[in-house]
N, C-alpha and C. Protein backbone atom coordinates (compact mmCIF):
# COMPACT_ATOMS: atom_id res chain seq x y z
N MET A 1 65.86 20.87 -35.32
CA MET A 1 65.52 21.58 -34.06
C MET A 1 64.73 20.63 -33.17
N SER A 2 65.22 20.42 -31.95
CA SER A 2 64.54 19.48 -31.06
C SER A 2 63.39 20.16 -30.35
N ARG A 3 62.32 19.37 -30.14
CA ARG A 3 61.15 19.91 -29.45
C ARG A 3 61.32 19.76 -27.94
N GLY A 4 60.76 20.66 -27.26
CA GLY A 4 60.85 20.61 -25.81
C GLY A 4 59.99 19.49 -25.25
N PRO A 5 60.10 19.20 -24.00
CA PRO A 5 59.30 18.13 -23.39
C PRO A 5 57.82 18.46 -23.45
N ARG A 6 57.03 17.40 -23.78
CA ARG A 6 55.57 17.57 -23.90
C ARG A 6 54.97 17.89 -22.53
N GLN A 7 54.13 18.91 -22.53
CA GLN A 7 53.51 19.33 -21.28
C GLN A 7 52.30 18.44 -20.97
N ARG A 8 52.23 17.96 -19.75
CA ARG A 8 51.09 17.15 -19.33
C ARG A 8 49.98 18.05 -18.81
N ARG A 9 48.79 17.70 -19.22
CA ARG A 9 47.64 18.49 -18.78
C ARG A 9 47.01 17.79 -17.58
N HIS A 10 47.28 18.30 -16.41
CA HIS A 10 46.67 17.74 -15.21
C HIS A 10 46.65 18.82 -14.15
N LEU A 11 45.84 18.56 -13.16
CA LEU A 11 45.75 19.50 -12.04
C LEU A 11 46.96 19.35 -11.16
N PRO A 12 47.36 20.38 -10.52
CA PRO A 12 48.42 20.25 -9.52
C PRO A 12 48.07 19.18 -8.52
N SER A 13 49.07 18.47 -8.02
CA SER A 13 48.82 17.32 -7.16
C SER A 13 47.97 17.69 -5.95
N GLY A 14 48.20 18.84 -5.36
CA GLY A 14 47.43 19.24 -4.19
C GLY A 14 45.97 19.41 -4.50
N ARG A 15 45.66 20.14 -5.57
CA ARG A 15 44.26 20.36 -5.96
C ARG A 15 43.60 19.07 -6.38
N ALA A 16 44.33 18.20 -7.06
CA ALA A 16 43.74 16.92 -7.49
C ALA A 16 43.36 16.07 -6.29
N ALA A 17 44.21 16.07 -5.29
CA ALA A 17 43.91 15.27 -4.09
C ALA A 17 42.67 15.78 -3.39
N VAL A 18 42.57 17.11 -3.29
CA VAL A 18 41.39 17.69 -2.63
C VAL A 18 40.13 17.35 -3.39
N LEU A 19 40.20 17.42 -4.73
CA LEU A 19 39.03 17.13 -5.55
C LEU A 19 38.60 15.68 -5.39
N LEU A 20 39.57 14.75 -5.40
CA LEU A 20 39.24 13.34 -5.26
C LEU A 20 38.63 13.04 -3.90
N LEU A 21 39.16 13.67 -2.86
CA LEU A 21 38.61 13.46 -1.52
C LEU A 21 37.19 14.00 -1.43
N SER A 22 36.94 15.14 -2.07
CA SER A 22 35.59 15.72 -2.04
C SER A 22 34.59 14.81 -2.72
N LEU A 23 34.97 14.29 -3.89
CA LEU A 23 34.07 13.39 -4.61
C LEU A 23 33.80 12.12 -3.81
N ALA A 24 34.84 11.60 -3.16
CA ALA A 24 34.66 10.39 -2.35
C ALA A 24 33.72 10.65 -1.19
N ASN A 25 33.84 11.81 -0.57
CA ASN A 25 32.95 12.14 0.55
C ASN A 25 31.51 12.27 0.10
N LEU A 26 31.30 12.88 -1.07
CA LEU A 26 29.95 13.03 -1.57
C LEU A 26 29.33 11.69 -1.90
N ALA A 27 30.12 10.79 -2.47
CA ALA A 27 29.60 9.48 -2.84
C ALA A 27 29.26 8.65 -1.62
N GLY A 28 30.04 8.79 -0.57
CA GLY A 28 29.82 7.97 0.61
C GLY A 28 28.91 8.59 1.65
N ARG A 29 28.53 9.83 1.44
CA ARG A 29 27.70 10.52 2.43
C ARG A 29 26.27 10.03 2.36
N PRO A 30 25.66 9.59 3.46
CA PRO A 30 24.27 9.12 3.44
C PRO A 30 23.31 10.26 3.15
N ALA A 31 22.21 9.92 2.48
CA ALA A 31 21.19 10.92 2.19
C ALA A 31 20.55 11.39 3.50
N VAL A 32 20.13 12.62 3.51
CA VAL A 32 19.54 13.21 4.71
C VAL A 32 18.03 13.27 4.53
N ALA A 33 17.30 12.78 5.51
CA ALA A 33 15.84 12.80 5.44
C ALA A 33 15.33 14.23 5.45
N ALA A 34 14.22 14.43 4.79
CA ALA A 34 13.62 15.76 4.71
C ALA A 34 13.12 16.20 6.09
N GLU A 35 13.00 17.49 6.27
CA GLU A 35 12.52 18.05 7.53
C GLU A 35 11.05 17.71 7.72
N VAL A 36 10.72 17.12 8.86
CA VAL A 36 9.35 16.74 9.18
C VAL A 36 9.05 17.30 10.57
N PRO A 37 7.85 17.87 10.78
CA PRO A 37 7.52 18.39 12.11
C PRO A 37 7.74 17.35 13.20
N ARG A 38 8.25 17.79 14.33
CA ARG A 38 8.63 16.88 15.40
C ARG A 38 7.44 16.05 15.89
N ALA A 39 6.28 16.69 16.00
CA ALA A 39 5.10 15.97 16.49
C ALA A 39 4.69 14.86 15.54
N LEU A 40 4.80 15.11 14.24
CA LEU A 40 4.46 14.09 13.26
C LEU A 40 5.48 12.96 13.27
N ARG A 41 6.75 13.32 13.41
CA ARG A 41 7.78 12.29 13.44
C ARG A 41 7.61 11.38 14.65
N ALA A 42 7.11 11.92 15.75
CA ALA A 42 6.87 11.09 16.92
C ALA A 42 5.83 10.01 16.62
N TRP A 43 4.78 10.38 15.88
CA TRP A 43 3.77 9.40 15.50
C TRP A 43 4.33 8.39 14.50
N LEU A 44 5.23 8.84 13.65
CA LEU A 44 5.81 7.95 12.65
C LEU A 44 6.63 6.83 13.28
N HIS A 45 7.18 7.09 14.44
CA HIS A 45 8.03 6.09 15.10
C HIS A 45 7.35 5.44 16.29
N ALA A 46 6.09 5.78 16.54
CA ALA A 46 5.36 5.17 17.66
C ALA A 46 5.00 3.73 17.33
N THR A 47 5.13 2.87 18.30
CA THR A 47 4.81 1.46 18.10
C THR A 47 3.68 0.96 18.98
N ASP A 48 3.26 1.78 19.95
CA ASP A 48 2.25 1.32 20.90
C ASP A 48 0.95 2.12 20.84
N SER A 49 0.85 3.06 19.90
CA SER A 49 -0.38 3.85 19.79
C SER A 49 -0.50 4.39 18.37
N SER A 50 -1.73 4.75 18.01
CA SER A 50 -1.98 5.30 16.69
C SER A 50 -2.80 6.57 16.82
N PRO A 51 -2.50 7.58 16.02
CA PRO A 51 -3.21 8.86 16.13
C PRO A 51 -4.55 8.84 15.39
N THR A 52 -5.41 9.72 15.81
CA THR A 52 -6.64 9.95 15.06
C THR A 52 -6.35 10.92 13.92
N ALA A 53 -7.33 11.09 13.06
CA ALA A 53 -7.16 12.03 11.94
C ALA A 53 -6.93 13.45 12.47
N ASP A 54 -7.66 13.85 13.51
CA ASP A 54 -7.50 15.20 14.06
C ASP A 54 -6.11 15.38 14.68
N GLN A 55 -5.62 14.37 15.35
CA GLN A 55 -4.28 14.46 15.93
C GLN A 55 -3.22 14.61 14.85
N LEU A 56 -3.39 13.90 13.75
CA LEU A 56 -2.44 14.01 12.65
C LEU A 56 -2.46 15.41 12.05
N ARG A 57 -3.64 15.96 11.85
CA ARG A 57 -3.75 17.29 11.22
C ARG A 57 -3.13 18.37 12.09
N ARG A 58 -3.14 18.17 13.39
CA ARG A 58 -2.57 19.18 14.28
C ARG A 58 -1.04 19.16 14.28
N THR A 59 -0.44 18.18 13.68
CA THR A 59 1.02 18.09 13.69
C THR A 59 1.68 18.86 12.56
N SER A 60 0.92 19.24 11.53
CA SER A 60 1.55 19.82 10.35
C SER A 60 0.55 20.69 9.59
N HIS A 61 1.06 21.68 8.87
CA HIS A 61 0.21 22.52 8.03
C HIS A 61 -0.29 21.76 6.81
N ASP A 62 0.46 20.77 6.35
CA ASP A 62 0.06 19.95 5.20
C ASP A 62 0.49 18.52 5.49
N VAL A 63 -0.28 17.86 6.36
CA VAL A 63 0.12 16.54 6.81
C VAL A 63 0.09 15.51 5.68
N GLU A 64 -0.82 15.68 4.71
CA GLU A 64 -0.86 14.75 3.59
C GLU A 64 0.46 14.77 2.81
N ALA A 65 0.93 15.98 2.51
CA ALA A 65 2.17 16.11 1.77
C ALA A 65 3.35 15.59 2.58
N ASP A 66 3.36 15.87 3.89
CA ASP A 66 4.46 15.41 4.72
C ASP A 66 4.51 13.89 4.79
N LEU A 67 3.36 13.26 4.96
CA LEU A 67 3.33 11.80 5.03
C LEU A 67 3.74 11.17 3.70
N ALA A 68 3.23 11.72 2.61
CA ALA A 68 3.61 11.21 1.30
C ALA A 68 5.10 11.41 1.04
N GLY A 69 5.64 12.53 1.53
CA GLY A 69 7.06 12.79 1.37
C GLY A 69 7.92 11.80 2.12
N VAL A 70 7.51 11.46 3.34
CA VAL A 70 8.25 10.46 4.11
C VAL A 70 8.20 9.11 3.41
N ALA A 71 7.03 8.73 2.91
CA ALA A 71 6.89 7.44 2.23
C ALA A 71 7.79 7.35 1.01
N ALA A 72 7.98 8.45 0.32
CA ALA A 72 8.76 8.44 -0.91
C ALA A 72 10.25 8.66 -0.69
N ASP A 73 10.65 8.98 0.53
CA ASP A 73 12.04 9.37 0.80
C ASP A 73 12.89 8.15 1.16
N PRO A 74 13.83 7.74 0.31
CA PRO A 74 14.68 6.59 0.62
C PRO A 74 15.61 6.82 1.79
N ALA A 75 15.81 8.07 2.19
CA ALA A 75 16.66 8.36 3.33
C ALA A 75 15.96 8.12 4.66
N GLU A 76 14.64 7.97 4.62
CA GLU A 76 13.88 7.73 5.84
C GLU A 76 14.03 6.27 6.27
N HIS A 77 13.84 6.04 7.57
CA HIS A 77 13.85 4.68 8.10
C HIS A 77 12.71 3.89 7.49
N ARG A 78 12.97 2.61 7.25
CA ARG A 78 11.97 1.76 6.59
C ARG A 78 10.65 1.73 7.35
N PHE A 79 10.73 1.62 8.67
CA PHE A 79 9.51 1.58 9.48
C PHE A 79 8.70 2.87 9.31
N ALA A 80 9.38 4.00 9.32
CA ALA A 80 8.69 5.29 9.19
C ALA A 80 8.01 5.41 7.83
N ARG A 81 8.63 4.92 6.78
CA ARG A 81 8.03 5.00 5.44
C ARG A 81 6.75 4.18 5.36
N VAL A 82 6.81 2.96 5.88
CA VAL A 82 5.61 2.11 5.86
C VAL A 82 4.53 2.70 6.76
N ARG A 83 4.93 3.20 7.90
CA ARG A 83 3.99 3.81 8.84
C ARG A 83 3.30 5.03 8.23
N ALA A 84 4.05 5.81 7.46
CA ALA A 84 3.47 6.99 6.81
C ALA A 84 2.36 6.59 5.84
N VAL A 85 2.56 5.50 5.13
CA VAL A 85 1.53 5.02 4.21
C VAL A 85 0.27 4.62 4.98
N ALA A 86 0.46 3.90 6.06
CA ALA A 86 -0.69 3.47 6.86
C ALA A 86 -1.43 4.66 7.46
N LEU A 87 -0.70 5.68 7.90
CA LEU A 87 -1.34 6.84 8.53
C LEU A 87 -2.10 7.68 7.51
N LEU A 88 -1.70 7.65 6.26
CA LEU A 88 -2.45 8.40 5.23
C LEU A 88 -3.90 7.94 5.17
N SER A 89 -4.14 6.67 5.39
CA SER A 89 -5.51 6.16 5.31
C SER A 89 -6.38 6.67 6.46
N ARG A 90 -5.74 7.14 7.55
CA ARG A 90 -6.52 7.67 8.68
C ARG A 90 -7.19 8.99 8.34
N LEU A 91 -6.65 9.72 7.37
CA LEU A 91 -7.16 11.07 7.10
C LEU A 91 -8.52 11.04 6.41
N GLY A 92 -8.75 10.05 5.57
CA GLY A 92 -10.07 9.91 4.94
C GLY A 92 -10.43 11.01 3.97
N THR A 93 -9.44 11.63 3.34
CA THR A 93 -9.70 12.70 2.38
C THR A 93 -9.43 12.23 0.96
N VAL A 94 -9.96 12.98 0.01
CA VAL A 94 -9.74 12.65 -1.40
C VAL A 94 -8.25 12.73 -1.72
N GLY A 95 -7.58 13.76 -1.20
CA GLY A 95 -6.16 13.91 -1.45
C GLY A 95 -5.34 12.76 -0.91
N ALA A 96 -5.67 12.31 0.31
CA ALA A 96 -4.94 11.19 0.90
C ALA A 96 -5.17 9.91 0.11
N ASP A 97 -6.42 9.70 -0.33
CA ASP A 97 -6.72 8.51 -1.12
C ASP A 97 -5.99 8.53 -2.46
N ASP A 98 -5.89 9.71 -3.07
CA ASP A 98 -5.15 9.81 -4.33
C ASP A 98 -3.67 9.49 -4.13
N ARG A 99 -3.10 9.94 -3.01
CA ARG A 99 -1.70 9.64 -2.74
C ARG A 99 -1.51 8.15 -2.50
N LEU A 100 -2.47 7.51 -1.85
CA LEU A 100 -2.37 6.07 -1.63
C LEU A 100 -2.47 5.30 -2.95
N ARG A 101 -3.32 5.77 -3.84
CA ARG A 101 -3.40 5.13 -5.17
C ARG A 101 -2.05 5.20 -5.89
N ALA A 102 -1.40 6.35 -5.77
CA ALA A 102 -0.10 6.50 -6.42
C ALA A 102 0.94 5.57 -5.78
N ILE A 103 0.93 5.46 -4.46
CA ILE A 103 1.88 4.59 -3.77
C ILE A 103 1.61 3.13 -4.10
N ALA A 104 0.34 2.79 -4.37
CA ALA A 104 0.01 1.41 -4.74
C ALA A 104 0.64 1.01 -6.07
N ARG A 105 1.17 1.97 -6.82
CA ARG A 105 1.88 1.68 -8.06
C ARG A 105 3.39 1.87 -7.90
N SER A 106 3.84 1.98 -6.65
CA SER A 106 5.25 2.20 -6.37
C SER A 106 6.10 1.00 -6.80
N LYS A 107 7.38 1.24 -7.03
CA LYS A 107 8.30 0.15 -7.34
C LYS A 107 8.69 -0.63 -6.09
N ASP A 108 8.44 -0.05 -4.93
CA ASP A 108 8.77 -0.70 -3.66
C ASP A 108 7.63 -1.65 -3.28
N SER A 109 7.93 -2.93 -3.19
CA SER A 109 6.87 -3.93 -2.96
C SER A 109 6.22 -3.76 -1.58
N ARG A 110 7.01 -3.41 -0.56
CA ARG A 110 6.43 -3.26 0.78
C ARG A 110 5.49 -2.06 0.84
N LEU A 111 5.90 -0.95 0.25
CA LEU A 111 5.02 0.22 0.24
C LEU A 111 3.77 -0.05 -0.59
N ARG A 112 3.95 -0.76 -1.68
CA ARG A 112 2.82 -1.08 -2.56
C ARG A 112 1.79 -1.92 -1.81
N ALA A 113 2.24 -2.95 -1.12
CA ALA A 113 1.33 -3.81 -0.38
C ALA A 113 0.64 -3.06 0.75
N THR A 114 1.38 -2.20 1.44
CA THR A 114 0.81 -1.42 2.54
C THR A 114 -0.25 -0.46 2.03
N ALA A 115 -0.01 0.16 0.89
CA ALA A 115 -0.98 1.09 0.31
C ALA A 115 -2.26 0.36 -0.08
N LEU A 116 -2.13 -0.84 -0.64
CA LEU A 116 -3.32 -1.61 -1.01
C LEU A 116 -4.15 -1.95 0.23
N MET A 117 -3.50 -2.39 1.29
CA MET A 117 -4.22 -2.71 2.52
C MET A 117 -4.87 -1.46 3.11
N ALA A 118 -4.16 -0.33 3.04
CA ALA A 118 -4.71 0.93 3.56
C ALA A 118 -5.93 1.36 2.77
N LEU A 119 -5.90 1.18 1.47
CA LEU A 119 -7.05 1.54 0.64
C LEU A 119 -8.23 0.62 0.94
N GLY A 120 -7.97 -0.65 1.15
CA GLY A 120 -9.06 -1.55 1.48
C GLY A 120 -9.71 -1.22 2.81
N ALA A 121 -8.88 -0.90 3.81
CA ALA A 121 -9.40 -0.62 5.14
C ALA A 121 -10.04 0.76 5.24
N GLY A 122 -9.60 1.70 4.43
CA GLY A 122 -10.13 3.06 4.49
C GLY A 122 -11.16 3.34 3.42
N LEU A 123 -10.67 3.62 2.23
CA LEU A 123 -11.57 3.94 1.11
C LEU A 123 -12.52 2.78 0.82
N GLY A 124 -12.05 1.55 0.96
CA GLY A 124 -12.89 0.41 0.67
C GLY A 124 -14.11 0.29 1.57
N ARG A 125 -14.00 0.80 2.76
CA ARG A 125 -15.15 0.77 3.68
C ARG A 125 -16.07 1.97 3.46
N ARG A 126 -15.48 3.11 3.07
CA ARG A 126 -16.30 4.29 2.86
C ARG A 126 -16.95 4.29 1.48
N GLN A 127 -16.17 3.98 0.47
CA GLN A 127 -16.65 4.01 -0.92
C GLN A 127 -16.09 2.79 -1.66
N PRO A 128 -16.72 1.65 -1.50
CA PRO A 128 -16.18 0.43 -2.11
C PRO A 128 -15.94 0.55 -3.62
N ALA A 129 -16.86 1.19 -4.34
CA ALA A 129 -16.72 1.29 -5.79
C ALA A 129 -15.48 2.07 -6.19
N ALA A 130 -15.08 3.03 -5.37
CA ALA A 130 -13.89 3.83 -5.69
C ALA A 130 -12.61 3.05 -5.42
N ALA A 131 -12.65 2.10 -4.51
CA ALA A 131 -11.45 1.34 -4.16
C ALA A 131 -11.24 0.12 -5.05
N LEU A 132 -12.30 -0.42 -5.62
CA LEU A 132 -12.20 -1.67 -6.38
C LEU A 132 -11.22 -1.61 -7.55
N PRO A 133 -11.20 -0.54 -8.36
CA PRO A 133 -10.28 -0.56 -9.52
C PRO A 133 -8.82 -0.75 -9.16
N VAL A 134 -8.32 -0.05 -8.15
CA VAL A 134 -6.91 -0.18 -7.80
C VAL A 134 -6.62 -1.53 -7.14
N LEU A 135 -7.59 -2.05 -6.40
CA LEU A 135 -7.39 -3.35 -5.76
C LEU A 135 -7.40 -4.48 -6.78
N THR A 136 -8.30 -4.40 -7.74
CA THR A 136 -8.34 -5.44 -8.77
C THR A 136 -7.11 -5.36 -9.67
N ALA A 137 -6.58 -4.15 -9.87
CA ALA A 137 -5.32 -4.03 -10.62
C ALA A 137 -4.19 -4.72 -9.88
N GLY A 138 -4.23 -4.65 -8.55
CA GLY A 138 -3.22 -5.34 -7.75
C GLY A 138 -3.27 -6.85 -7.90
N LEU A 139 -4.47 -7.38 -8.17
CA LEU A 139 -4.60 -8.82 -8.37
C LEU A 139 -3.89 -9.29 -9.63
N ARG A 140 -3.59 -8.39 -10.54
CA ARG A 140 -2.93 -8.76 -11.79
C ARG A 140 -1.43 -8.47 -11.78
N HIS A 141 -0.93 -8.02 -10.63
CA HIS A 141 0.49 -7.68 -10.56
C HIS A 141 1.36 -8.92 -10.68
N LYS A 142 2.56 -8.75 -11.21
CA LYS A 142 3.45 -9.89 -11.42
C LYS A 142 4.01 -10.44 -10.12
N GLU A 143 4.09 -9.62 -9.07
CA GLU A 143 4.66 -10.07 -7.81
C GLU A 143 3.60 -10.69 -6.92
N ARG A 144 3.95 -11.83 -6.34
CA ARG A 144 3.02 -12.58 -5.51
C ARG A 144 2.56 -11.78 -4.30
N GLU A 145 3.49 -11.10 -3.61
CA GLU A 145 3.12 -10.37 -2.40
C GLU A 145 2.11 -9.27 -2.68
N THR A 146 2.22 -8.65 -3.84
CA THR A 146 1.26 -7.61 -4.20
C THR A 146 -0.11 -8.21 -4.45
N ARG A 147 -0.16 -9.33 -5.14
CA ARG A 147 -1.45 -9.98 -5.40
C ARG A 147 -2.09 -10.45 -4.10
N LEU A 148 -1.26 -10.96 -3.19
CA LEU A 148 -1.80 -11.42 -1.91
C LEU A 148 -2.34 -10.25 -1.10
N ALA A 149 -1.63 -9.13 -1.09
CA ALA A 149 -2.12 -7.95 -0.37
C ALA A 149 -3.42 -7.44 -1.00
N ALA A 150 -3.50 -7.46 -2.32
CA ALA A 150 -4.72 -6.99 -3.00
C ALA A 150 -5.90 -7.90 -2.65
N ALA A 151 -5.67 -9.21 -2.61
CA ALA A 151 -6.74 -10.14 -2.26
C ALA A 151 -7.22 -9.92 -0.83
N ARG A 152 -6.28 -9.72 0.07
CA ARG A 152 -6.66 -9.48 1.47
C ARG A 152 -7.35 -8.13 1.62
N ALA A 153 -6.91 -7.13 0.87
CA ALA A 153 -7.54 -5.81 0.93
C ALA A 153 -8.97 -5.87 0.40
N LEU A 154 -9.19 -6.69 -0.62
CA LEU A 154 -10.55 -6.85 -1.14
C LEU A 154 -11.50 -7.39 -0.06
N GLY A 155 -10.95 -8.19 0.84
CA GLY A 155 -11.77 -8.72 1.91
C GLY A 155 -12.20 -7.67 2.92
N LEU A 156 -11.63 -6.47 2.86
CA LEU A 156 -11.97 -5.41 3.80
C LEU A 156 -13.04 -4.47 3.26
N VAL A 157 -13.29 -4.49 1.96
CA VAL A 157 -14.23 -3.54 1.38
C VAL A 157 -15.65 -3.89 1.81
N ALA A 158 -16.49 -2.88 1.88
CA ALA A 158 -17.87 -3.06 2.36
C ALA A 158 -18.80 -3.44 1.22
N ASP A 159 -18.35 -4.30 0.33
CA ASP A 159 -19.17 -4.80 -0.77
C ASP A 159 -18.71 -6.21 -1.11
N PRO A 160 -19.08 -7.19 -0.27
CA PRO A 160 -18.62 -8.56 -0.50
C PRO A 160 -19.00 -9.13 -1.85
N ALA A 161 -20.16 -8.73 -2.38
CA ALA A 161 -20.61 -9.27 -3.66
C ALA A 161 -19.66 -8.87 -4.78
N SER A 162 -19.32 -7.58 -4.85
CA SER A 162 -18.40 -7.12 -5.89
C SER A 162 -17.01 -7.71 -5.69
N ALA A 163 -16.58 -7.82 -4.44
CA ALA A 163 -15.28 -8.43 -4.17
C ALA A 163 -15.26 -9.88 -4.63
N GLY A 164 -16.38 -10.58 -4.44
CA GLY A 164 -16.47 -11.97 -4.87
C GLY A 164 -16.39 -12.11 -6.38
N VAL A 165 -17.01 -11.17 -7.10
CA VAL A 165 -16.94 -11.20 -8.57
C VAL A 165 -15.50 -11.06 -9.04
N GLN A 166 -14.78 -10.09 -8.47
CA GLN A 166 -13.38 -9.89 -8.86
C GLN A 166 -12.52 -11.08 -8.46
N ALA A 167 -12.83 -11.68 -7.34
CA ALA A 167 -12.06 -12.84 -6.89
C ALA A 167 -12.25 -14.02 -7.84
N ARG A 168 -13.47 -14.25 -8.30
CA ARG A 168 -13.71 -15.35 -9.23
C ARG A 168 -12.95 -15.14 -10.54
N ARG A 169 -12.89 -13.90 -11.00
CA ARG A 169 -12.15 -13.62 -12.23
C ARG A 169 -10.66 -13.87 -12.04
N ALA A 170 -10.14 -13.47 -10.89
CA ALA A 170 -8.71 -13.65 -10.64
C ALA A 170 -8.35 -15.12 -10.49
N LEU A 171 -9.26 -15.92 -9.97
CA LEU A 171 -8.99 -17.34 -9.78
C LEU A 171 -8.75 -18.06 -11.10
N ALA A 172 -9.26 -17.51 -12.18
CA ALA A 172 -9.10 -18.17 -13.48
C ALA A 172 -7.64 -18.24 -13.92
N THR A 173 -6.81 -17.31 -13.42
CA THR A 173 -5.41 -17.27 -13.85
C THR A 173 -4.42 -17.41 -12.70
N GLU A 174 -4.88 -17.26 -11.46
CA GLU A 174 -3.98 -17.31 -10.31
C GLU A 174 -3.51 -18.74 -10.05
N ARG A 175 -2.18 -18.90 -9.81
CA ARG A 175 -1.62 -20.22 -9.56
C ARG A 175 -1.02 -20.35 -8.17
N ASP A 176 -0.74 -19.24 -7.50
CA ASP A 176 -0.15 -19.30 -6.17
C ASP A 176 -1.20 -19.77 -5.16
N GLU A 177 -0.83 -20.73 -4.33
CA GLU A 177 -1.79 -21.35 -3.43
C GLU A 177 -2.29 -20.37 -2.37
N ALA A 178 -1.41 -19.57 -1.79
CA ALA A 178 -1.83 -18.63 -0.75
C ALA A 178 -2.79 -17.58 -1.30
N VAL A 179 -2.50 -17.07 -2.49
CA VAL A 179 -3.39 -16.09 -3.11
C VAL A 179 -4.73 -16.73 -3.45
N ARG A 180 -4.69 -17.95 -3.95
CA ARG A 180 -5.94 -18.65 -4.29
C ARG A 180 -6.81 -18.86 -3.06
N GLN A 181 -6.19 -19.18 -1.93
CA GLN A 181 -6.97 -19.37 -0.71
C GLN A 181 -7.65 -18.07 -0.29
N ALA A 182 -6.91 -16.96 -0.39
CA ALA A 182 -7.50 -15.66 -0.04
C ALA A 182 -8.66 -15.32 -0.98
N LEU A 183 -8.51 -15.64 -2.25
CA LEU A 183 -9.57 -15.36 -3.22
C LEU A 183 -10.78 -16.26 -2.98
N MET A 184 -10.54 -17.52 -2.65
CA MET A 184 -11.65 -18.44 -2.38
C MET A 184 -12.45 -17.99 -1.17
N THR A 185 -11.77 -17.42 -0.18
CA THR A 185 -12.48 -16.89 0.99
C THR A 185 -13.46 -15.80 0.58
N LEU A 186 -13.03 -14.94 -0.36
CA LEU A 186 -13.92 -13.88 -0.84
C LEU A 186 -15.09 -14.45 -1.61
N VAL A 187 -14.86 -15.48 -2.41
CA VAL A 187 -15.94 -16.09 -3.18
C VAL A 187 -16.98 -16.70 -2.25
N LEU A 188 -16.51 -17.41 -1.24
CA LEU A 188 -17.44 -18.04 -0.30
C LEU A 188 -18.19 -16.99 0.51
N ARG A 189 -17.52 -15.90 0.86
CA ARG A 189 -18.17 -14.85 1.63
C ARG A 189 -19.25 -14.14 0.82
N ALA A 190 -19.08 -14.12 -0.49
CA ALA A 190 -20.02 -13.41 -1.34
C ALA A 190 -21.29 -14.20 -1.59
N ARG A 191 -21.26 -15.51 -1.32
CA ARG A 191 -22.45 -16.32 -1.57
C ARG A 191 -23.56 -15.97 -0.58
N PRO A 192 -24.78 -15.80 -1.07
CA PRO A 192 -25.88 -15.50 -0.14
C PRO A 192 -26.14 -16.67 0.78
N VAL A 193 -26.41 -16.34 2.02
CA VAL A 193 -26.69 -17.38 3.02
C VAL A 193 -28.15 -17.77 2.93
N ALA A 194 -28.40 -19.06 2.73
CA ALA A 194 -29.78 -19.53 2.62
C ALA A 194 -30.46 -19.47 3.98
N GLY A 195 -31.69 -18.97 3.99
CA GLY A 195 -32.44 -18.89 5.24
C GLY A 195 -32.97 -20.23 5.65
N PRO A 196 -33.42 -20.35 6.88
CA PRO A 196 -33.97 -21.64 7.36
C PRO A 196 -35.22 -22.00 6.59
N THR A 197 -35.33 -23.25 6.21
CA THR A 197 -36.51 -23.71 5.46
C THR A 197 -37.61 -24.09 6.43
N LYS A 198 -38.84 -23.79 6.03
CA LYS A 198 -39.98 -24.12 6.86
C LYS A 198 -40.30 -25.62 6.73
N PRO A 199 -40.53 -26.28 7.85
CA PRO A 199 -40.89 -27.72 7.76
C PRO A 199 -42.22 -27.88 7.06
N GLN A 200 -42.27 -28.86 6.17
CA GLN A 200 -43.51 -29.12 5.46
C GLN A 200 -44.40 -30.05 6.27
N ALA A 201 -45.69 -29.77 6.19
CA ALA A 201 -46.64 -30.62 6.91
C ALA A 201 -46.69 -32.00 6.26
N PRO A 202 -46.70 -33.05 7.04
CA PRO A 202 -46.76 -34.39 6.46
C PRO A 202 -48.04 -34.60 5.68
N ALA A 203 -47.88 -35.28 4.57
CA ALA A 203 -49.06 -35.55 3.73
C ALA A 203 -49.95 -36.57 4.42
N THR A 204 -51.26 -36.31 4.44
CA THR A 204 -52.24 -37.23 5.07
C THR A 204 -53.15 -37.79 4.03
N ALA A 205 -53.53 -38.97 4.23
CA ALA A 205 -54.45 -39.63 3.27
C ALA A 205 -55.84 -39.04 3.44
N PRO A 206 -56.51 -38.81 2.35
CA PRO A 206 -57.89 -38.25 2.43
C PRO A 206 -58.81 -39.19 3.20
N GLN A 207 -59.66 -38.64 4.05
CA GLN A 207 -60.59 -39.43 4.84
C GLN A 207 -61.88 -39.67 4.06
N ASN A 208 -62.42 -40.89 4.20
CA ASN A 208 -63.68 -41.22 3.53
C ASN A 208 -64.85 -40.65 4.30
N ARG A 209 -65.64 -39.91 3.64
CA ARG A 209 -66.83 -39.37 4.30
C ARG A 209 -68.00 -40.35 4.13
N ARG A 210 -68.74 -40.53 5.20
CA ARG A 210 -69.92 -41.40 5.17
C ARG A 210 -71.17 -40.59 4.88
């Protein structure tokens, strides 16, 4: 007894074509940036002015979350992502500083460097001791640009003595010339400036009394 022709298991040609086209469209479709308040987005793309902390807060119900979301969103324009990191430092809040610390550990080197500089310029001036741990961790990063940003950010903190201590430690292992120069600047800045010395009176020979 002969067997009938083997049945092929496949989708009808019409349905298969539609499915393949749908998958191709999904793969090629660019990611869509998250919804951001219009007023905040205007600041994110501004190139000739910078907002104050109060102006930023008036743009959104949760401006910290919105800025952090833009920074983390690969669908956003590169300039807007970096700008969002810089604007976080304007807020001067614990929450904003915590978000900057997290971005300083990002896999994106540009965002990482921007976060380190923002922490140095913001938290480093307000609370140097709170900024030093993340900045000194940046000095040990494997990427040169991150170490250079950390060294420059250390120069912004309002504690030159502590920055100089960390710079001397980093110099023991740093080999990149540009990073070493930035660290040496911190070491020299940390040295106390000697005050003017008083001129000593010239020694006179004792006079003979008669």
